[in-house]
Amino acid sequence: MGHAGDLGCSSAGGYTDAHLFYAGVDDARACTACSCGPVSGSACSTTVTLYADGACSTVVQSGAAGCYDVPAGTPIGSKSANPPVYQPGFCGPSGGEPTGDAIPQTPFTFCCLP
């Protein structure tokens, strides 16, 4: 037995077990905008080597991160560099919080036998 609305069931006829259903929903759910904070921890590095000769065999200067002076009067005949190594950074996420509600609409009460 069914009735429009959120109603109780009468004891007449023995249909006393009430079940409430809805014909629709007003869904106003959403999320706040997502964003990302400043990037931190990223790095890019390589190694550059300077050579006195043109065959990349007599090292003048080699080193990782940093700035180095080449000794005065040192000829530079060739140079080499390793491919850059990239270390990705991280940005702290924010936003994406749920908002709104899903509100049931048009209730129907169904009365059943227990």
N, C-alpha and C. Protein backbone atom coordinates (compact mmCIF):
# COMPACT_ATOMS: atom_id res chain seq x y z
N MET A 1 0.83 -1.16 0.00
CA MET A 1 0.00 0.00 0.00
C MET A 1 0.88 1.24 0.00
N GLY A 2 0.65 2.22 -0.89
CA GLY A 2 1.49 3.40 -0.97
C GLY A 2 0.70 4.68 -0.81
N HIS A 3 1.37 5.69 -0.21
CA HIS A 3 0.75 7.00 0.01
C HIS A 3 1.79 8.08 -0.29
N ALA A 4 1.36 9.14 -0.97
CA ALA A 4 2.24 10.28 -1.19
C ALA A 4 2.52 10.96 0.13
N GLY A 5 3.79 11.31 0.37
CA GLY A 5 4.17 12.00 1.60
C GLY A 5 4.90 11.09 2.56
N ASP A 6 5.42 11.69 3.62
CA ASP A 6 6.11 10.96 4.69
C ASP A 6 5.08 10.71 5.77
N LEU A 7 4.39 9.57 5.68
CA LEU A 7 3.27 9.27 6.56
C LEU A 7 3.54 8.01 7.37
N GLY A 8 2.83 7.88 8.45
CA GLY A 8 2.88 6.64 9.22
C GLY A 8 1.89 5.65 8.64
N CYS A 9 1.97 4.42 9.06
CA CYS A 9 1.04 3.39 8.60
C CYS A 9 0.05 3.08 9.73
N SER A 10 -1.21 2.95 9.35
CA SER A 10 -2.21 2.61 10.37
C SER A 10 -2.22 1.10 10.58
N SER A 11 -2.77 0.70 11.68
CA SER A 11 -2.82 -0.73 11.98
C SER A 11 -3.97 -1.43 11.25
N ALA A 12 -4.81 -0.64 10.56
CA ALA A 12 -5.94 -1.23 9.83
C ALA A 12 -5.39 -2.10 8.70
N GLY A 13 -5.86 -3.30 8.61
CA GLY A 13 -5.45 -4.24 7.58
C GLY A 13 -4.11 -4.90 7.84
N GLY A 14 -3.43 -4.54 8.91
CA GLY A 14 -2.17 -5.18 9.27
C GLY A 14 -0.94 -4.62 8.57
N TYR A 15 -1.09 -3.59 7.71
CA TYR A 15 0.05 -3.00 6.99
C TYR A 15 0.72 -1.96 7.90
N THR A 16 1.55 -2.42 8.80
CA THR A 16 2.13 -1.53 9.81
C THR A 16 3.63 -1.25 9.61
N ASP A 17 4.26 -1.94 8.69
CA ASP A 17 5.71 -1.79 8.46
C ASP A 17 5.93 -0.70 7.41
N ALA A 18 6.32 0.52 7.84
CA ALA A 18 6.46 1.67 6.94
C ALA A 18 7.84 1.71 6.30
N HIS A 19 7.87 1.99 4.99
CA HIS A 19 9.11 2.17 4.23
C HIS A 19 8.97 3.46 3.44
N LEU A 20 9.95 4.36 3.61
CA LEU A 20 9.90 5.68 2.97
C LEU A 20 10.83 5.69 1.76
N PHE A 21 10.31 6.08 0.60
CA PHE A 21 11.09 6.20 -0.63
C PHE A 21 10.86 7.60 -1.21
N TYR A 22 11.74 8.00 -2.13
CA TYR A 22 11.65 9.33 -2.73
C TYR A 22 11.65 9.20 -4.25
N ALA A 23 10.90 10.08 -4.90
CA ALA A 23 10.80 10.06 -6.36
C ALA A 23 11.95 10.82 -7.02
N GLY A 24 12.68 11.62 -6.28
CA GLY A 24 13.77 12.39 -6.88
C GLY A 24 14.69 12.95 -5.82
N VAL A 25 15.64 13.75 -6.27
CA VAL A 25 16.60 14.36 -5.37
C VAL A 25 17.02 15.72 -5.94
N ASP A 26 17.16 16.69 -5.05
CA ASP A 26 17.71 18.00 -5.42
C ASP A 26 19.19 17.94 -5.06
N ASP A 27 20.02 17.70 -6.06
CA ASP A 27 21.45 17.47 -5.83
C ASP A 27 22.23 18.76 -6.03
N ALA A 28 22.61 19.40 -4.95
CA ALA A 28 23.37 20.65 -5.00
C ALA A 28 24.81 20.43 -4.52
N ARG A 29 25.30 19.20 -4.64
CA ARG A 29 26.67 18.91 -4.19
C ARG A 29 27.68 19.42 -5.21
N ALA A 30 28.82 19.86 -4.71
CA ALA A 30 29.93 20.34 -5.55
C ALA A 30 31.21 20.25 -4.71
N CYS A 31 32.27 20.76 -5.25
CA CYS A 31 33.55 20.82 -4.53
C CYS A 31 34.14 22.20 -4.70
N THR A 32 34.91 22.64 -3.71
CA THR A 32 35.63 23.90 -3.85
C THR A 32 36.73 23.72 -4.89
N ALA A 33 37.20 24.81 -5.44
CA ALA A 33 38.24 24.76 -6.47
C ALA A 33 39.53 24.16 -5.91
N CYS A 34 40.20 23.37 -6.72
CA CYS A 34 41.48 22.79 -6.33
C CYS A 34 42.60 23.74 -6.72
N SER A 35 43.65 23.74 -5.93
CA SER A 35 44.81 24.56 -6.26
C SER A 35 46.07 23.88 -5.73
N CYS A 36 47.19 24.44 -6.10
CA CYS A 36 48.48 23.88 -5.70
C CYS A 36 49.34 25.03 -5.20
N GLY A 37 49.98 24.83 -4.06
CA GLY A 37 50.84 25.85 -3.49
C GLY A 37 52.15 25.99 -4.25
N PRO A 38 53.07 26.76 -3.75
CA PRO A 38 54.35 26.94 -4.43
C PRO A 38 55.13 25.62 -4.51
N VAL A 39 55.87 25.47 -5.58
CA VAL A 39 56.68 24.26 -5.78
C VAL A 39 57.92 24.36 -4.91
N SER A 40 58.25 23.26 -4.25
CA SER A 40 59.48 23.21 -3.47
C SER A 40 60.16 21.88 -3.72
N GLY A 41 61.46 21.87 -3.57
CA GLY A 41 62.22 20.63 -3.69
C GLY A 41 62.63 20.25 -5.09
N SER A 42 62.32 21.06 -6.10
CA SER A 42 62.73 20.69 -7.46
C SER A 42 64.18 21.11 -7.68
N ALA A 43 64.85 20.37 -8.54
CA ALA A 43 66.25 20.68 -8.82
C ALA A 43 66.62 20.15 -10.20
N CYS A 44 67.58 20.79 -10.81
CA CYS A 44 68.12 20.36 -12.08
C CYS A 44 69.63 20.47 -11.95
N SER A 45 70.35 19.39 -12.27
CA SER A 45 71.80 19.43 -12.10
C SER A 45 72.49 18.73 -13.27
N THR A 46 73.76 19.08 -13.46
CA THR A 46 74.60 18.44 -14.46
C THR A 46 76.04 18.60 -14.02
N THR A 47 76.94 17.92 -14.68
CA THR A 47 78.36 18.08 -14.42
C THR A 47 79.02 18.56 -15.71
N VAL A 48 79.77 19.64 -15.60
CA VAL A 48 80.52 20.19 -16.73
C VAL A 48 82.00 19.99 -16.43
N THR A 49 82.71 19.53 -17.43
CA THR A 49 84.15 19.32 -17.28
C THR A 49 84.89 20.11 -18.36
N LEU A 50 85.95 20.81 -17.96
CA LEU A 50 86.79 21.58 -18.87
C LEU A 50 88.10 20.83 -19.07
N TYR A 51 88.62 20.84 -20.31
CA TYR A 51 89.85 20.13 -20.65
C TYR A 51 90.84 21.10 -21.28
N ALA A 52 92.10 20.86 -21.03
CA ALA A 52 93.16 21.70 -21.57
C ALA A 52 93.41 21.39 -23.04
N ASP A 53 93.15 20.17 -23.47
CA ASP A 53 93.41 19.79 -24.86
C ASP A 53 92.10 19.71 -25.64
N GLY A 54 92.19 19.46 -26.92
CA GLY A 54 91.01 19.37 -27.76
C GLY A 54 90.40 17.99 -27.80
N ALA A 55 90.95 17.03 -27.08
CA ALA A 55 90.48 15.63 -27.13
C ALA A 55 89.73 15.22 -25.87
N CYS A 56 89.40 16.15 -25.01
CA CYS A 56 88.69 15.87 -23.74
C CYS A 56 89.43 14.82 -22.91
N SER A 57 90.76 14.99 -22.79
CA SER A 57 91.50 13.99 -22.02
C SER A 57 92.27 14.59 -20.84
N THR A 58 92.70 15.84 -20.91
CA THR A 58 93.46 16.46 -19.82
C THR A 58 92.52 17.41 -19.08
N VAL A 59 92.07 16.99 -17.89
CA VAL A 59 91.08 17.76 -17.14
C VAL A 59 91.71 19.02 -16.55
N VAL A 60 91.01 20.15 -16.76
CA VAL A 60 91.40 21.42 -16.14
C VAL A 60 90.55 21.63 -14.90
N GLN A 61 89.27 21.47 -15.06
CA GLN A 61 88.34 21.72 -13.95
C GLN A 61 87.12 20.83 -14.14
N SER A 62 86.65 20.21 -13.05
CA SER A 62 85.43 19.40 -13.08
C SER A 62 84.75 19.56 -11.74
N GLY A 63 83.44 19.55 -11.76
CA GLY A 63 82.75 19.67 -10.49
C GLY A 63 81.26 19.65 -10.67
N ALA A 64 80.61 19.34 -9.60
CA ALA A 64 79.15 19.36 -9.60
C ALA A 64 78.72 20.78 -9.30
N ALA A 65 77.67 20.93 -8.50
CA ALA A 65 77.10 22.24 -8.21
C ALA A 65 78.15 23.20 -7.70
N GLY A 66 78.11 24.39 -8.19
CA GLY A 66 79.03 25.41 -7.71
C GLY A 66 79.61 26.20 -8.86
N CYS A 67 80.34 27.22 -8.53
CA CYS A 67 81.00 28.08 -9.50
C CYS A 67 82.49 28.03 -9.17
N TYR A 68 83.30 27.65 -10.16
CA TYR A 68 84.73 27.48 -9.92
C TYR A 68 85.52 28.40 -10.83
N ASP A 69 86.60 28.96 -10.32
CA ASP A 69 87.52 29.75 -11.14
C ASP A 69 88.46 28.80 -11.87
N VAL A 70 88.71 29.11 -13.14
CA VAL A 70 89.73 28.38 -13.90
C VAL A 70 91.04 29.10 -13.62
N PRO A 71 92.08 28.36 -13.27
CA PRO A 71 93.36 29.03 -12.96
C PRO A 71 93.80 29.94 -14.11
N ALA A 72 94.31 31.11 -13.77
CA ALA A 72 94.74 32.10 -14.77
C ALA A 72 95.77 31.48 -15.70
N GLY A 73 95.63 31.78 -16.97
CA GLY A 73 96.58 31.30 -17.97
C GLY A 73 96.33 29.87 -18.41
N THR A 74 95.27 29.22 -17.92
CA THR A 74 94.99 27.83 -18.29
C THR A 74 94.21 27.82 -19.60
N PRO A 75 94.77 27.16 -20.62
CA PRO A 75 94.03 27.09 -21.87
C PRO A 75 92.87 26.10 -21.75
N ILE A 76 91.78 26.40 -22.42
CA ILE A 76 90.64 25.48 -22.45
C ILE A 76 90.48 25.05 -23.89
N GLY A 77 90.75 23.77 -24.13
CA GLY A 77 90.70 23.25 -25.49
C GLY A 77 89.39 22.55 -25.80
N SER A 78 88.69 22.03 -24.79
CA SER A 78 87.41 21.35 -25.02
C SER A 78 86.63 21.30 -23.72
N LYS A 79 85.39 20.92 -23.84
CA LYS A 79 84.53 20.81 -22.65
C LYS A 79 83.51 19.71 -22.89
N SER A 80 82.94 19.18 -21.80
CA SER A 80 81.87 18.18 -21.91
C SER A 80 80.88 18.43 -20.78
N ALA A 81 79.65 17.97 -21.01
CA ALA A 81 78.61 18.12 -19.98
C ALA A 81 77.74 16.86 -20.01
N ASN A 82 77.40 16.37 -18.84
CA ASN A 82 76.46 15.25 -18.74
C ASN A 82 75.05 15.78 -18.98
N PRO A 83 74.16 14.91 -19.45
CA PRO A 83 72.76 15.35 -19.59
C PRO A 83 72.21 15.82 -18.24
N PRO A 84 71.38 16.84 -18.26
CA PRO A 84 70.80 17.32 -17.00
C PRO A 84 69.95 16.24 -16.32
N VAL A 85 69.99 16.24 -15.02
CA VAL A 85 69.17 15.34 -14.21
C VAL A 85 68.14 16.20 -13.50
N TYR A 86 66.87 15.90 -13.76
CA TYR A 86 65.79 16.69 -13.18
C TYR A 86 65.16 15.95 -12.02
N GLN A 87 65.04 16.61 -10.89
CA GLN A 87 64.35 16.07 -9.73
C GLN A 87 63.07 16.89 -9.55
N PRO A 88 61.90 16.27 -9.80
CA PRO A 88 60.66 17.05 -9.68
C PRO A 88 60.41 17.50 -8.26
N GLY A 89 59.75 18.59 -8.14
CA GLY A 89 59.40 19.12 -6.83
C GLY A 89 58.01 18.68 -6.40
N PHE A 90 57.51 19.33 -5.41
CA PHE A 90 56.21 19.01 -4.84
C PHE A 90 55.49 20.31 -4.56
N CYS A 91 54.20 20.34 -4.84
CA CYS A 91 53.40 21.49 -4.43
C CYS A 91 52.24 20.96 -3.58
N GLY A 92 52.01 21.58 -2.46
CA GLY A 92 50.96 21.15 -1.55
C GLY A 92 49.57 21.42 -2.11
N PRO A 93 48.76 20.38 -2.26
CA PRO A 93 47.41 20.59 -2.79
C PRO A 93 46.49 21.21 -1.74
N SER A 94 45.50 21.93 -2.23
CA SER A 94 44.47 22.47 -1.35
C SER A 94 43.17 22.54 -2.13
N GLY A 95 42.08 22.74 -1.42
CA GLY A 95 40.77 22.80 -2.06
C GLY A 95 40.19 21.40 -2.24
N GLY A 96 39.18 21.31 -3.08
CA GLY A 96 38.54 20.02 -3.33
C GLY A 96 37.65 19.57 -2.19
N GLU A 97 37.25 20.50 -1.34
CA GLU A 97 36.38 20.15 -0.22
C GLU A 97 34.93 20.06 -0.69
N PRO A 98 34.20 19.04 -0.23
CA PRO A 98 32.80 18.92 -0.66
C PRO A 98 31.93 20.04 -0.08
N THR A 99 30.97 20.48 -0.88
CA THR A 99 30.00 21.48 -0.45
C THR A 99 28.60 21.03 -0.87
N GLY A 100 27.61 21.60 -0.26
CA GLY A 100 26.22 21.34 -0.64
C GLY A 100 25.70 20.00 -0.16
N ASP A 101 24.44 19.73 -0.48
CA ASP A 101 23.77 18.51 -0.05
C ASP A 101 22.94 17.94 -1.18
N ALA A 102 22.61 16.67 -1.04
CA ALA A 102 21.63 16.01 -1.91
C ALA A 102 20.38 15.84 -1.05
N ILE A 103 19.33 16.56 -1.40
CA ILE A 103 18.11 16.57 -0.58
C ILE A 103 17.02 15.77 -1.30
N PRO A 104 16.52 14.70 -0.65
CA PRO A 104 15.49 13.90 -1.28
C PRO A 104 14.20 14.71 -1.49
N GLN A 105 13.51 14.41 -2.60
CA GLN A 105 12.30 15.13 -2.98
C GLN A 105 11.15 14.16 -3.22
N THR A 106 9.96 14.61 -3.00
CA THR A 106 8.72 13.88 -3.26
C THR A 106 8.69 12.52 -2.56
N PRO A 107 8.45 12.54 -1.24
CA PRO A 107 8.43 11.28 -0.49
C PRO A 107 7.16 10.46 -0.76
N PHE A 108 7.30 9.16 -0.66
CA PHE A 108 6.20 8.19 -0.74
C PHE A 108 6.38 7.20 0.40
N THR A 109 5.32 6.93 1.10
CA THR A 109 5.34 5.95 2.18
C THR A 109 4.66 4.68 1.69
N PHE A 110 5.35 3.58 1.82
CA PHE A 110 4.79 2.27 1.47
C PHE A 110 4.59 1.50 2.77
N CYS A 111 3.35 1.02 2.99
CA CYS A 111 3.03 0.27 4.19
C CYS A 111 2.95 -1.22 3.82
N CYS A 112 3.71 -2.01 4.54
CA CYS A 112 3.81 -3.44 4.22
C CYS A 112 3.41 -4.26 5.44
N LEU A 113 3.16 -5.51 5.17
CA LEU A 113 2.90 -6.45 6.27
C LEU A 113 4.22 -6.74 6.96
N PRO A 114 4.23 -6.82 8.28
CA PRO A 114 5.47 -7.10 8.99
C PRO A 114 5.97 -8.51 8.75
